[in-house]
Amino acid sequence: QVQLVESGGGLVQPGGSLRLSCAASGFTFSNFAMRWFRRAPGKERELVAGISSAGSSTNYADSVKGRFTISRDNAKNTVYLEMNSLKPEDTAVYYCNAQRGFNGYWGQGTQVTVSS
């Protein structure tokens, strides 16, 4: 069955870094664009970053540009989110999403907490 499993979240101090991973299975990963979303307490879900199926195109929310980098390894069926210069406002549950047309899959999320 389809699975998206996020990992790499945790507690980090402001200014620190984390690398999230999302391992995919059960579908043809290389055919799907991948995105990272986040949801902070009391806030709407926010698109953080996206990457095309081949990895040739990326896009970012203004709030993370220059700090976060999305990448993928189609040989490993994995998408990554490198997060640097983390701020308390980056605290949220981060979800990965696979999308192709009307077909979409979601992971269970991983908590990122930025606090001193």
Protein backbone atom coordinates (compact mmCIF):
# COMPACT_ATOMS: atom_id res chain seq x y z
CA GLN A 1 0.00 0.00 0.00
CA VAL A 2 0.98 3.64 -0.37
CA GLN A 3 3.15 4.96 2.42
CA LEU A 4 4.88 8.25 3.07
CA VAL A 5 6.95 8.16 6.24
CA GLU A 6 8.50 11.37 7.52
CA SER A 7 11.43 11.45 9.90
CA GLY A 8 14.05 13.84 11.21
CA GLY A 9 11.91 16.15 13.30
CA GLY A 10 12.76 17.16 16.83
CA LEU A 11 13.64 19.96 19.20
CA VAL A 12 16.24 22.47 18.03
CA GLN A 13 17.42 25.85 19.27
CA PRO A 14 16.82 29.00 17.25
CA GLY A 15 19.45 29.29 14.55
CA GLY A 16 19.87 25.55 14.38
CA SER A 17 19.31 23.10 11.56
CA LEU A 18 17.31 19.97 10.87
CA ARG A 19 16.97 17.68 7.89
CA LEU A 20 13.61 16.06 7.30
CA SER A 21 13.22 12.95 5.18
CA CYS A 22 10.15 11.41 3.62
CA ALA A 23 10.43 7.83 2.41
CA ALA A 24 7.84 6.78 -0.15
CA SER A 25 6.58 3.35 -1.14
CA GLY A 26 3.65 1.78 -2.93
CA PHE A 27 3.59 4.11 -5.93
CA THR A 28 5.90 5.28 -8.72
CA PHE A 29 7.71 8.00 -6.81
CA SER A 30 9.49 9.46 -9.83
CA ASN A 31 6.14 10.29 -11.47
CA PHE A 32 4.98 12.51 -8.62
CA ALA A 33 5.76 16.06 -7.64
CA MET A 34 6.56 16.25 -3.94
CA ARG A 35 5.77 18.96 -1.45
CA TRP A 36 6.34 19.76 2.19
CA PHE A 37 3.56 21.40 4.16
CA ARG A 38 3.40 22.45 7.77
CA ARG A 39 0.71 23.22 10.29
CA ALA A 40 1.43 25.28 13.35
CA PRO A 41 -0.92 25.26 16.35
CA GLY A 42 -3.95 27.42 15.65
CA LYS A 43 -2.90 28.14 12.08
CA GLU A 44 -3.86 26.97 8.61
CA ARG A 45 -1.80 24.39 6.77
CA GLU A 46 0.96 26.12 4.82
CA LEU A 47 2.85 25.00 1.72
CA VAL A 48 6.54 25.20 2.57
CA ALA A 49 8.32 23.87 -0.52
CA GLY A 50 7.73 21.83 -3.64
CA ILE A 51 9.84 19.95 -6.15
CA SER A 52 8.96 18.59 -9.57
CA SER A 53 8.98 14.89 -10.35
CA ALA A 54 12.44 15.00 -11.94
CA GLY A 55 13.77 17.47 -9.39
CA SER A 56 14.45 20.14 -11.97
CA SER A 57 12.11 22.74 -10.50
CA THR A 58 11.56 23.89 -6.94
CA ASN A 59 9.46 26.50 -5.22
CA TYR A 60 9.36 27.90 -1.69
CA ALA A 61 7.15 29.91 0.60
CA ASP A 62 8.50 33.42 1.08
CA SER A 63 8.87 32.71 4.79
CA VAL A 64 11.48 30.00 4.19
CA LYS A 65 13.30 31.19 1.06
CA GLY A 66 17.04 31.21 1.54
CA ARG A 67 16.80 29.02 4.66
CA PHE A 68 15.14 25.78 3.50
CA THR A 69 16.12 23.52 0.61
CA ILE A 70 13.98 20.76 -0.86
CA SER A 71 15.60 17.92 -2.76
CA ARG A 72 14.80 14.39 -3.84
CA ASP A 73 16.52 11.13 -4.66
CA ASN A 74 14.36 9.16 -7.05
CA ALA A 75 16.64 6.13 -6.73
CA LYS A 76 15.86 6.04 -3.01
CA ASN A 77 12.22 7.15 -3.29
CA THR A 78 12.94 9.88 -0.78
CA VAL A 79 12.37 13.61 -0.56
CA TYR A 80 14.26 15.83 1.85
CA LEU A 81 13.83 19.21 3.46
CA GLU A 82 17.02 20.83 4.72
CA MET A 83 16.11 23.52 7.23
CA ASN A 84 18.70 26.06 8.36
CA SER A 85 18.58 29.20 10.50
CA LEU A 86 15.47 27.89 12.17
CA LYS A 87 13.18 30.32 13.96
CA PRO A 88 10.56 29.75 16.66
CA GLU A 89 7.89 30.50 14.06
CA ASP A 90 9.02 27.43 12.12
CA THR A 91 7.58 25.29 14.90
CA ALA A 92 4.93 23.04 13.36
CA VAL A 93 4.07 19.54 12.29
CA TYR A 94 5.66 19.00 8.88
CA TYR A 95 3.97 16.76 6.33
CA CYS A 96 5.13 15.47 3.00
CA ASN A 97 2.74 15.20 0.11
CA ALA A 98 2.95 13.38 -3.21
CA GLN A 99 0.83 14.82 -5.98
CA ARG A 100 0.09 13.90 -9.56
CA GLY A 101 -3.00 15.45 -11.05
CA PHE A 102 -5.89 14.53 -8.78
CA ASN A 103 -3.96 11.76 -7.04
CA GLY A 104 -2.39 12.79 -3.79
CA TYR A 105 -0.90 11.05 -0.78
CA TRP A 106 0.07 12.30 2.67
CA GLY A 107 2.44 11.25 5.39
CA GLN A 108 1.61 11.21 9.08
CA GLY A 109 3.77 14.22 9.90
CA THR A 110 6.82 14.92 12.03
CA GLN A 111 7.00 17.52 14.78
CA VAL A 112 9.58 20.30 14.55
CA THR A 113 9.97 22.49 17.61
CA VAL A 114 12.29 25.49 17.61
CA SER A 115 12.84 26.75 21.13
CA SER A 116 15.59 27.76 23.49
